[in-house]
Amino acid sequence: MVGYRQKWVQDLPPAGGFPKLTYARTSTSPIPGAYIFAGVFSIMAVGTYIFFSDKVQRNAREEEEKRRLSMILPILQAENDINFLASPHKNVYFTRWMPPQTGKRTAALLRDL
């Protein structure tokens, strides 16, 4: 930049000035309340329709799942019974019956713990 000098020119408005700006407040025409009410009502109606149609499908799926489970439940219960009987367990039919512990017995047992 040796020997270079820039000539500075100030920005000035154009000759005759800038054109006039319209800055007056202009408002749109108001929307009637009936249109707003109709729009909100239609949106709510569509949402309600979607909700209830989904609810019907969801209930159908849940009912099918309950039916499926009720059909397979006896098989699962039998398998559980076989596994229980095959495992070593205490036979509850040959144990001695003991009355429920209330009052002093319970206090004595809890004191011993």
Protein backbone atom coordinates (compact mmCIF):
# COMPACT_ATOMS: atom_id res chain seq x y z
CA MET A 1 0.00 0.00 0.00
CA VAL A 2 2.87 2.22 -0.62
CA GLY A 3 1.94 5.33 -2.48
CA TYR A 4 -1.75 4.50 -2.55
CA ARG A 5 -4.20 7.08 -1.34
CA GLN A 6 -7.89 6.50 -1.39
CA LYS A 7 -10.22 9.32 -2.14
CA TRP A 8 -13.00 9.33 0.43
CA VAL A 9 -16.44 10.32 -0.77
CA GLN A 10 -19.24 10.92 1.67
CA ASP A 11 -22.61 9.27 1.01
CA LEU A 12 -25.17 11.92 0.29
CA PRO A 13 -28.88 11.75 -0.51
CA PRO A 14 -29.80 11.77 -4.18
CA ALA A 15 -30.51 15.06 -5.82
CA GLY A 16 -34.07 16.10 -5.03
CA GLY A 17 -34.14 13.92 -1.88
CA PHE A 18 -35.49 10.48 -1.14
CA PRO A 19 -39.05 9.56 -2.17
CA LYS A 20 -41.74 9.91 0.47
CA LEU A 21 -42.41 6.86 2.63
CA THR A 22 -45.92 5.86 3.53
CA TYR A 23 -45.85 5.07 7.21
CA ALA A 24 -49.49 5.61 8.01
CA ARG A 25 -51.17 2.83 9.96
CA THR A 26 -53.05 0.47 7.69
CA SER A 27 -55.07 -2.28 9.32
CA THR A 28 -56.51 -5.32 7.65
CA SER A 29 -60.21 -5.87 7.56
CA PRO A 30 -61.34 -7.61 10.74
CA ILE A 31 -62.19 -11.33 10.60
CA PRO A 32 -65.76 -12.02 11.67
CA GLY A 33 -66.15 -14.02 14.88
CA ALA A 34 -68.26 -16.62 13.09
CA TYR A 35 -65.29 -17.53 10.88
CA ILE A 36 -63.04 -17.94 13.91
CA PHE A 37 -65.68 -20.03 15.68
CA ALA A 38 -66.16 -22.20 12.59
CA GLY A 39 -62.40 -22.74 12.25
CA VAL A 40 -61.94 -23.70 15.90
CA PHE A 41 -65.00 -25.96 15.78
CA SER A 42 -63.78 -27.76 12.66
CA ILE A 43 -60.31 -28.32 14.14
CA MET A 44 -61.86 -29.72 17.33
CA ALA A 45 -64.23 -31.93 15.33
CA VAL A 46 -61.36 -33.42 13.32
CA GLY A 47 -59.32 -34.01 16.49
CA THR A 48 -62.27 -35.69 18.20
CA TYR A 49 -62.87 -37.92 15.18
CA ILE A 50 -59.21 -38.99 15.10
CA PHE A 51 -59.21 -39.66 18.85
CA PHE A 52 -62.33 -41.81 18.84
CA SER A 53 -61.41 -43.73 15.70
CA ASP A 54 -58.06 -44.54 17.31
CA LYS A 55 -59.85 -45.49 20.53
CA VAL A 56 -62.02 -48.02 18.66
CA GLN A 57 -58.95 -49.59 17.08
CA ARG A 58 -57.11 -49.64 20.41
CA ASN A 59 -60.05 -51.34 22.15
CA ALA A 60 -60.22 -53.94 19.36
CA ARG A 61 -56.50 -54.68 19.77
CA GLU A 62 -56.84 -54.97 23.56
CA GLU A 63 -59.83 -57.30 23.24
CA GLU A 64 -57.93 -59.50 20.80
CA GLU A 65 -54.96 -59.60 23.18
CA LYS A 66 -57.25 -60.62 26.08
CA ARG A 67 -58.80 -63.38 23.97
CA ARG A 68 -55.37 -64.61 22.92
CA LEU A 69 -54.15 -64.62 26.53
CA SER A 70 -57.27 -66.40 27.79
CA MET A 71 -56.68 -69.16 25.22
CA ILE A 72 -53.05 -69.70 26.13
CA LEU A 73 -53.38 -69.19 29.90
CA PRO A 74 -54.45 -72.79 30.73
CA ILE A 75 -51.40 -74.11 28.87
CA LEU A 76 -49.10 -71.75 30.76
CA GLN A 77 -50.73 -72.65 34.07
CA ALA A 78 -50.32 -76.40 33.37
CA GLU A 79 -46.67 -75.88 32.51
CA ASN A 80 -46.18 -73.93 35.73
CA ASP A 81 -47.91 -76.69 37.73
CA ILE A 82 -45.66 -79.34 36.17
CA ASN A 83 -42.55 -77.32 37.01
CA PHE A 84 -43.78 -76.77 40.56
CA LEU A 85 -44.56 -80.44 41.16
CA ALA A 86 -41.23 -81.51 39.69
CA SER A 87 -39.29 -79.20 42.01
CA PRO A 88 -38.54 -80.06 45.63
CA HIS A 89 -41.04 -78.19 47.75
CA LYS A 90 -42.64 -78.51 51.14
CA ASN A 91 -45.97 -80.29 50.98
CA VAL A 92 -48.48 -77.98 52.61
CA TYR A 93 -51.03 -80.76 53.13
CA PHE A 94 -48.93 -82.55 55.76
CA THR A 95 -48.03 -79.52 57.88
CA ARG A 96 -49.54 -78.77 61.25
CA TRP A 97 -52.20 -76.06 61.45
CA MET A 98 -51.28 -73.18 63.72
CA PRO A 99 -53.69 -70.51 64.84
CA PRO A 100 -52.93 -66.93 63.78
CA GLN A 101 -50.61 -65.20 66.20
CA THR A 102 -52.20 -62.22 67.86
CA GLY A 103 -51.66 -60.20 70.98
CA LYS A 104 -49.08 -61.53 73.45
CA ARG A 105 -47.69 -64.20 71.12
CA THR A 106 -46.91 -61.67 68.45
CA ALA A 107 -45.28 -59.32 70.96
CA ALA A 108 -43.16 -62.18 72.33
CA LEU A 109 -42.05 -63.25 68.86
CA LEU A 110 -41.19 -59.71 67.84
CA ARG A 111 -39.26 -59.19 71.09
CA ASP A 112 -37.14 -62.26 70.37
CA LEU A 113 -36.13 -60.94 66.95
